[in-house]
């Protein structure tokens, strides 16, 4: 039996404060996602808006409204079952996923998983080439 000194348990906030204090923590901590092969930085929508606003020298609210309108148009098109093809970038489509039997991981009980529609994205050739271009 452990007979060392007893410590008061730390709260989740205290633990995450320590994790966030370490610079570039995402590069070497897995955060429970398994063998994560994605080694890139995360770009959020706000970061994308900032980059476009700086590159095109446009006001941030205008760029944000444009990005929101693009996302809404793609989502509405997919909801209607349309395929959205952006030449040089890629294609958004909807795939039908058939109903199937699955298992509840906690109980092992067999459950029915309903059929559903799943949005997909296939990168275009120019995007693939740009991503795979050797860095200089």
N, C-alpha and C. Protein backbone atom coordinates (compact mmCIF):
# COMPACT_ATOMS: atom_id res chain seq x y z
N UNK A 1 0.83 -1.18 0.00
CA UNK A 1 0.00 0.00 0.00
C UNK A 1 0.87 1.25 0.00
N UNK A 2 0.44 2.29 -0.70
CA UNK A 2 1.20 3.53 -0.81
C UNK A 2 1.15 4.28 0.51
N UNK A 3 2.32 4.64 1.00
CA UNK A 3 2.34 5.35 2.28
C UNK A 3 3.00 6.73 2.16
N UNK A 4 3.11 7.23 0.95
CA UNK A 4 3.73 8.54 0.75
C UNK A 4 2.82 9.66 1.18
N UNK A 5 3.31 10.89 1.05
CA UNK A 5 2.50 12.03 1.46
C UNK A 5 1.27 12.18 0.55
N UNK A 6 0.16 12.56 1.12
CA UNK A 6 -1.06 12.74 0.35
C UNK A 6 -1.12 14.17 -0.18
N UNK A 7 -1.45 14.27 -1.47
CA UNK A 7 -1.59 15.59 -2.08
C UNK A 7 -3.06 15.82 -2.37
N UNK A 8 -3.43 17.07 -2.34
CA UNK A 8 -4.80 17.38 -2.73
C UNK A 8 -4.90 17.24 -4.24
N UNK A 9 -5.97 16.66 -4.74
CA UNK A 9 -6.09 16.48 -6.18
C UNK A 9 -6.18 17.82 -6.90
N UNK A 10 -5.58 17.89 -8.07
CA UNK A 10 -5.62 19.11 -8.86
C UNK A 10 -6.88 19.11 -9.69
N UNK A 11 -7.39 20.29 -9.93
CA UNK A 11 -8.59 20.43 -10.75
C UNK A 11 -8.19 20.37 -12.22
N UNK A 12 -9.17 20.11 -13.07
CA UNK A 12 -8.92 20.07 -14.51
C UNK A 12 -8.40 21.42 -15.01
N UNK A 13 -8.91 22.51 -14.44
CA UNK A 13 -8.46 23.83 -14.85
C UNK A 13 -6.97 24.02 -14.56
N UNK A 14 -6.51 23.52 -13.41
CA UNK A 14 -5.10 23.65 -13.05
C UNK A 14 -4.22 22.83 -14.01
N UNK A 15 -4.68 21.65 -14.35
CA UNK A 15 -3.91 20.78 -15.25
C UNK A 15 -3.81 21.42 -16.63
N UNK A 16 -4.96 21.90 -17.17
CA UNK A 16 -4.95 22.51 -18.51
C UNK A 16 -4.17 23.81 -18.52
N UNK A 17 -4.14 24.54 -17.41
CA UNK A 17 -3.33 25.76 -17.35
C UNK A 17 -1.85 25.40 -17.50
N UNK A 18 -1.42 24.32 -16.87
CA UNK A 18 -0.03 23.87 -17.00
C UNK A 18 0.26 23.41 -18.43
N UNK A 19 -0.68 22.69 -19.05
CA UNK A 19 -0.49 22.20 -20.41
C UNK A 19 -0.38 23.38 -21.37
N UNK A 20 -1.27 24.37 -21.22
CA UNK A 20 -1.24 25.53 -22.12
C UNK A 20 -0.01 26.38 -21.91
N UNK A 21 0.63 26.30 -20.76
CA UNK A 21 1.80 27.12 -20.48
C UNK A 21 3.03 26.63 -21.25
N UNK A 22 3.00 25.39 -21.72
CA UNK A 22 4.14 24.84 -22.46
C UNK A 22 4.02 25.28 -23.92
N UNK A 23 5.04 25.96 -24.47
CA UNK A 23 4.94 26.41 -25.86
C UNK A 23 4.93 25.23 -26.82
N UNK A 24 4.12 25.36 -27.89
CA UNK A 24 4.03 24.35 -28.94
C UNK A 24 3.70 22.96 -28.40
N UNK A 25 2.79 22.90 -27.44
CA UNK A 25 2.41 21.63 -26.83
C UNK A 25 1.80 20.67 -27.84
N UNK A 26 1.11 21.21 -28.85
CA UNK A 26 0.44 20.34 -29.82
C UNK A 26 1.43 19.52 -30.64
N UNK A 27 2.67 19.95 -30.71
CA UNK A 27 3.64 19.24 -31.54
C UNK A 27 4.08 17.93 -30.91
N UNK A 28 4.06 17.82 -29.58
CA UNK A 28 4.59 16.61 -28.98
C UNK A 28 3.64 15.92 -28.01
N UNK A 29 2.43 16.41 -27.83
CA UNK A 29 1.45 15.73 -26.99
C UNK A 29 0.32 15.25 -27.87
N UNK A 30 -0.13 14.03 -27.65
CA UNK A 30 -1.10 13.39 -28.51
C UNK A 30 -2.54 13.79 -28.21
N UNK A 31 -2.88 14.13 -26.96
CA UNK A 31 -4.23 14.49 -26.54
C UNK A 31 -5.23 13.37 -26.82
N UNK A 32 -4.79 12.11 -26.77
CA UNK A 32 -5.70 10.98 -26.83
C UNK A 32 -6.29 10.68 -28.20
N UNK A 33 -5.68 11.15 -29.27
CA UNK A 33 -6.23 10.89 -30.60
C UNK A 33 -5.55 9.72 -31.28
N UNK A 34 -4.81 8.90 -30.55
CA UNK A 34 -4.15 7.76 -31.17
C UNK A 34 -2.91 8.20 -31.93
N UNK A 35 -2.55 7.42 -32.93
CA UNK A 35 -1.37 7.72 -33.73
C UNK A 35 -1.74 8.78 -34.76
N UNK A 36 -1.63 10.04 -34.36
CA UNK A 36 -2.05 11.15 -35.21
C UNK A 36 -0.96 11.45 -36.23
N UNK A 37 -1.27 11.22 -37.50
CA UNK A 37 -0.30 11.47 -38.56
C UNK A 37 -0.32 12.92 -39.02
N UNK A 38 -1.31 13.68 -38.59
CA UNK A 38 -1.41 15.08 -38.99
C UNK A 38 -0.44 15.89 -38.15
N UNK A 39 0.57 16.44 -38.79
CA UNK A 39 1.61 17.19 -38.08
C UNK A 39 1.57 18.67 -38.44
N UNK A 40 0.41 19.19 -38.81
CA UNK A 40 0.30 20.57 -39.22
C UNK A 40 -0.34 21.39 -38.11
N UNK A 41 -0.17 22.69 -38.20
CA UNK A 41 -0.81 23.59 -37.26
C UNK A 41 -2.30 23.70 -37.60
N UNK A 42 -3.09 24.00 -36.63
CA UNK A 42 -4.53 24.15 -36.80
C UNK A 42 -4.86 25.57 -37.26
N UNK A 43 -5.63 25.69 -38.34
CA UNK A 43 -6.09 27.00 -38.80
C UNK A 43 -7.60 27.03 -38.62
N UNK A 44 -8.06 27.93 -37.80
CA UNK A 44 -9.49 28.08 -37.56
C UNK A 44 -10.06 29.09 -38.54
N UNK A 45 -11.40 29.19 -38.56
CA UNK A 45 -12.05 30.10 -39.49
C UNK A 45 -11.57 31.54 -39.27
N UNK A 46 -11.42 31.95 -38.03
CA UNK A 46 -10.95 33.31 -37.74
C UNK A 46 -9.56 33.54 -38.31
N UNK A 47 -8.69 32.53 -38.24
CA UNK A 47 -7.35 32.65 -38.80
C UNK A 47 -7.41 32.79 -40.32
N UNK A 48 -8.28 32.02 -40.95
CA UNK A 48 -8.47 32.11 -42.40
C UNK A 48 -8.94 33.51 -42.79
N UNK A 49 -9.90 34.04 -42.05
CA UNK A 49 -10.41 35.38 -42.32
C UNK A 49 -9.29 36.41 -42.20
N UNK A 50 -8.47 36.29 -41.17
CA UNK A 50 -7.36 37.22 -40.99
C UNK A 50 -6.36 37.16 -42.14
N UNK A 51 -6.02 35.94 -42.58
CA UNK A 51 -5.06 35.77 -43.67
C UNK A 51 -5.59 36.40 -44.96
N UNK A 52 -6.85 36.12 -45.30
CA UNK A 52 -7.42 36.67 -46.53
C UNK A 52 -7.52 38.19 -46.45
N UNK A 53 -7.92 38.69 -45.30
CA UNK A 53 -8.03 40.15 -45.14
C UNK A 53 -6.68 40.83 -45.34
N UNK A 54 -5.62 40.22 -44.81
CA UNK A 54 -4.28 40.80 -44.97
C UNK A 54 -3.79 40.67 -46.41
N UNK A 55 -3.99 39.49 -47.03
CA UNK A 55 -3.50 39.28 -48.39
C UNK A 55 -4.18 40.19 -49.40
N UNK A 56 -5.48 40.36 -49.27
CA UNK A 56 -6.24 41.14 -50.25
C UNK A 56 -6.48 42.58 -49.80
N UNK A 57 -5.97 42.93 -48.63
CA UNK A 57 -6.10 44.29 -48.09
C UNK A 57 -7.57 44.74 -48.05
N UNK A 58 -8.40 43.86 -47.48
CA UNK A 58 -9.83 44.13 -47.35
C UNK A 58 -10.19 44.22 -45.87
N UNK A 59 -11.28 44.91 -45.53
CA UNK A 59 -11.69 44.97 -44.13
C UNK A 59 -12.11 43.60 -43.63
N UNK A 60 -11.70 43.28 -42.41
CA UNK A 60 -11.98 41.96 -41.83
C UNK A 60 -13.47 41.62 -41.82
N UNK A 61 -14.38 42.55 -41.44
CA UNK A 61 -15.81 42.19 -41.43
C UNK A 61 -16.33 41.79 -42.82
N UNK A 62 -15.82 42.43 -43.85
CA UNK A 62 -16.25 42.08 -45.21
C UNK A 62 -15.78 40.67 -45.57
N UNK A 63 -14.55 40.34 -45.23
CA UNK A 63 -14.01 39.00 -45.52
C UNK A 63 -14.75 37.96 -44.70
N UNK A 64 -15.04 38.27 -43.45
CA UNK A 64 -15.76 37.33 -42.59
C UNK A 64 -17.15 37.05 -43.14
N UNK A 65 -17.84 38.07 -43.62
CA UNK A 65 -19.17 37.88 -44.21
C UNK A 65 -19.08 37.03 -45.48
N UNK A 66 -18.04 37.23 -46.26
CA UNK A 66 -17.86 36.46 -47.49
C UNK A 66 -17.58 34.99 -47.17
N UNK A 67 -16.71 34.73 -46.21
CA UNK A 67 -16.41 33.34 -45.82
C UNK A 67 -17.66 32.67 -45.27
N UNK A 68 -18.41 33.37 -44.43
CA UNK A 68 -19.66 32.82 -43.89
C UNK A 68 -20.65 32.50 -45.00
N UNK A 69 -20.75 33.40 -45.99
CA UNK A 69 -21.67 33.17 -47.11
C UNK A 69 -21.24 31.96 -47.92
N UNK A 70 -19.93 31.77 -48.13
CA UNK A 70 -19.43 30.61 -48.86
C UNK A 70 -19.76 29.32 -48.11
N UNK A 71 -19.51 29.30 -46.82
CA UNK A 71 -19.79 28.11 -46.01
C UNK A 71 -21.28 27.80 -46.02
N UNK A 72 -22.12 28.83 -45.89
CA UNK A 72 -23.58 28.63 -45.92
C UNK A 72 -24.03 28.09 -47.27
N UNK A 73 -23.48 28.62 -48.36
CA UNK A 73 -23.87 28.17 -49.70
C UNK A 73 -23.47 26.72 -49.93
N UNK A 74 -22.28 26.33 -49.47
CA UNK A 74 -21.85 24.94 -49.61
C UNK A 74 -22.75 24.03 -48.78
N UNK A 75 -23.05 24.42 -47.54
CA UNK A 75 -23.90 23.61 -46.66
C UNK A 75 -25.30 23.46 -47.24
N UNK A 76 -25.87 24.55 -47.77
CA UNK A 76 -27.21 24.48 -48.35
C UNK A 76 -27.22 23.59 -49.59
N UNK A 77 -26.20 23.70 -50.43
CA UNK A 77 -26.11 22.85 -51.61
C UNK A 77 -26.00 21.39 -51.25
N UNK A 78 -25.19 21.07 -50.26
CA UNK A 78 -25.06 19.68 -49.82
C UNK A 78 -26.36 19.17 -49.22
N UNK A 79 -27.07 20.02 -48.49
CA UNK A 79 -28.35 19.62 -47.90
C UNK A 79 -29.36 19.26 -48.99
N UNK A 80 -29.27 19.91 -50.15
CA UNK A 80 -30.16 19.60 -51.28
C UNK A 80 -29.67 18.40 -52.07
N UNK A 81 -28.49 17.87 -51.73
CA UNK A 81 -27.95 16.72 -52.45
C UNK A 81 -27.11 17.10 -53.65
N UNK A 82 -26.77 18.37 -53.79
CA UNK A 82 -25.99 18.83 -54.93
C UNK A 82 -24.51 18.54 -54.72
N UNK A 83 -23.78 18.45 -55.82
CA UNK A 83 -22.32 18.33 -55.78
C UNK A 83 -21.76 19.72 -56.05
N UNK A 84 -20.84 20.18 -55.22
CA UNK A 84 -20.24 21.50 -55.39
C UNK A 84 -18.80 21.29 -55.85
N UNK A 85 -18.50 21.73 -57.06
CA UNK A 85 -17.18 21.52 -57.66
C UNK A 85 -16.48 22.86 -57.78
N UNK A 86 -15.38 23.02 -57.07
CA UNK A 86 -14.56 24.23 -57.13
C UNK A 86 -13.28 23.86 -57.88
N UNK A 87 -13.22 24.19 -59.16
CA UNK A 87 -12.10 23.80 -60.02
C UNK A 87 -10.77 24.22 -59.40
N UNK A 88 -9.84 23.27 -59.38
CA UNK A 88 -8.52 23.53 -58.83
C UNK A 88 -8.45 23.34 -57.33
N UNK A 89 -9.59 23.29 -56.66
CA UNK A 89 -9.60 23.12 -55.20
C UNK A 89 -10.11 21.73 -54.84
N UNK A 90 -11.34 21.41 -55.25
CA UNK A 90 -11.88 20.10 -54.95
C UNK A 90 -13.39 20.08 -55.11
N UNK A 91 -13.97 18.96 -54.73
CA UNK A 91 -15.41 18.78 -54.89
C UNK A 91 -16.03 18.31 -53.57
N UNK A 92 -17.12 18.95 -53.20
CA UNK A 92 -17.92 18.54 -52.06
C UNK A 92 -19.09 17.74 -52.60
N UNK A 93 -19.43 16.64 -51.95
CA UNK A 93 -20.55 15.81 -52.38
C UNK A 93 -21.19 15.17 -51.16
N UNK A 94 -22.31 14.52 -51.37
CA UNK A 94 -23.00 13.80 -50.31
C UNK A 94 -22.99 12.32 -50.67
N UNK A 95 -22.59 11.49 -49.72
CA UNK A 95 -22.55 10.05 -49.92
C UNK A 95 -23.62 9.42 -49.03
N UNK A 96 -24.28 8.42 -49.56
CA UNK A 96 -25.30 7.70 -48.78
C UNK A 96 -24.62 6.59 -47.99
N UNK A 97 -24.85 6.55 -46.70
CA UNK A 97 -24.32 5.50 -45.84
C UNK A 97 -25.48 4.58 -45.47
N UNK A 98 -25.38 3.30 -45.81
CA UNK A 98 -26.47 2.36 -45.58
C UNK A 98 -26.62 2.04 -44.09
N UNK A 99 -27.81 1.60 -43.72
CA UNK A 99 -28.05 1.15 -42.34
C UNK A 99 -27.20 -0.09 -42.09
N UNK A 100 -26.73 -0.22 -40.86
CA UNK A 100 -25.89 -1.37 -40.53
C UNK A 100 -26.00 -1.70 -39.06
N UNK A 101 -25.51 -2.86 -38.72
CA UNK A 101 -25.50 -3.28 -37.32
C UNK A 101 -24.16 -2.87 -36.71
N UNK A 102 -24.21 -2.39 -35.48
CA UNK A 102 -23.01 -2.00 -34.77
C UNK A 102 -23.04 -2.54 -33.36
N UNK A 103 -22.02 -2.22 -32.58
CA UNK A 103 -21.96 -2.69 -31.19
C UNK A 103 -21.75 -1.51 -30.26
N UNK A 104 -22.46 -1.54 -29.14
CA UNK A 104 -22.23 -0.58 -28.07
C UNK A 104 -20.92 -1.00 -27.39
N UNK A 105 -19.88 -0.16 -27.41
CA UNK A 105 -18.59 -0.57 -26.86
C UNK A 105 -18.61 -0.81 -25.35
N UNK A 106 -19.54 -0.19 -24.64
CA UNK A 106 -19.59 -0.38 -23.19
C UNK A 106 -20.25 -1.69 -22.81
N UNK A 107 -21.35 -2.03 -23.50
CA UNK A 107 -22.10 -3.22 -23.11
C UNK A 107 -21.89 -4.40 -24.05
N UNK A 108 -21.40 -4.15 -25.26
CA UNK A 108 -21.24 -5.22 -26.24
C UNK A 108 -22.54 -5.55 -26.94
N UNK A 109 -23.61 -4.86 -26.60
CA UNK A 109 -24.93 -5.11 -27.17
C UNK A 109 -24.95 -4.69 -28.64
N UNK A 110 -25.61 -5.49 -29.49
CA UNK A 110 -25.76 -5.15 -30.90
C UNK A 110 -26.83 -4.08 -31.04
N UNK A 111 -26.51 -3.04 -31.82
CA UNK A 111 -27.46 -1.96 -32.06
C UNK A 111 -27.59 -1.71 -33.56
N UNK A 112 -28.68 -1.11 -33.97
CA UNK A 112 -28.89 -0.75 -35.36
C UNK A 112 -28.46 0.70 -35.56
N UNK A 113 -27.61 0.92 -36.54
CA UNK A 113 -27.19 2.27 -36.90
C UNK A 113 -27.98 2.65 -38.15
N UNK A 114 -28.70 3.75 -38.07
CA UNK A 114 -29.59 4.16 -39.16
C UNK A 114 -28.80 4.61 -40.38
N UNK A 115 -29.44 4.53 -41.54
CA UNK A 115 -28.85 5.05 -42.77
C UNK A 115 -28.76 6.57 -42.64
N UNK A 116 -27.76 7.14 -43.29
CA UNK A 116 -27.60 8.58 -43.21
C UNK A 116 -26.84 9.08 -44.42
N UNK A 117 -26.84 10.39 -44.58
CA UNK A 117 -26.11 11.06 -45.65
C UNK A 117 -24.87 11.69 -45.04
N UNK A 118 -23.72 11.48 -45.67
CA UNK A 118 -22.46 11.94 -45.13
C UNK A 118 -21.80 12.89 -46.12
N UNK A 119 -21.45 14.13 -45.70
CA UNK A 119 -20.75 15.03 -46.62
C UNK A 119 -19.30 14.55 -46.83
N UNK A 120 -18.83 14.63 -48.07
CA UNK A 120 -17.46 14.22 -48.38
C UNK A 120 -16.76 15.34 -49.15
N UNK A 121 -15.44 15.28 -49.16
CA UNK A 121 -14.64 16.23 -49.93
C UNK A 121 -13.53 15.46 -50.62
N UNK A 122 -13.36 15.72 -51.92
CA UNK A 122 -12.25 15.13 -52.66
C UNK A 122 -11.42 16.27 -53.21
N UNK A 123 -10.15 16.28 -52.85
CA UNK A 123 -9.25 17.35 -53.28
C UNK A 123 -9.00 17.28 -54.77
N UNK A 124 -8.95 18.44 -55.41
CA UNK A 124 -8.65 18.53 -56.83
C UNK A 124 -7.17 18.36 -57.10
N UNK A 125 -6.83 18.13 -58.37
CA UNK A 125 -5.44 17.87 -58.74
C UNK A 125 -4.52 19.03 -58.38
N UNK A 126 -4.94 20.25 -58.65
CA UNK A 126 -4.07 21.39 -58.36
C UNK A 126 -3.82 21.55 -56.86
N UNK A 127 -4.84 21.28 -56.04
CA UNK A 127 -4.65 21.34 -54.59
C UNK A 127 -3.71 20.24 -54.13
N UNK A 128 -3.90 19.03 -54.66
CA UNK A 128 -3.00 17.92 -54.29
C UNK A 128 -1.56 18.23 -54.68
N UNK A 129 -1.39 18.79 -55.88
CA UNK A 129 -0.03 19.12 -56.34
C UNK A 129 0.61 20.19 -55.47
N UNK A 130 -0.19 21.18 -55.06
CA UNK A 130 0.33 22.25 -54.21
C UNK A 130 0.72 21.72 -52.82
N UNK A 131 -0.08 20.82 -52.29
CA UNK A 131 0.19 20.25 -50.98
C UNK A 131 1.44 19.36 -51.03
N UNK A 132 1.62 18.64 -52.14
CA UNK A 132 2.74 17.69 -52.26
C UNK A 132 4.00 18.31 -52.85
N UNK A 133 3.94 19.61 -53.19
CA UNK A 133 5.12 20.27 -53.75
C UNK A 133 6.21 20.32 -52.70
N UNK A 134 7.43 19.92 -53.07
CA UNK A 134 8.52 19.97 -52.08
C UNK A 134 8.75 21.40 -51.63
N UNK A 135 8.93 21.58 -50.33
CA UNK A 135 9.17 22.93 -49.80
C UNK A 135 10.60 23.34 -50.09
N UNK A 136 10.74 24.60 -50.42
CA UNK A 136 12.06 25.12 -50.83
C UNK A 136 12.89 25.54 -49.64
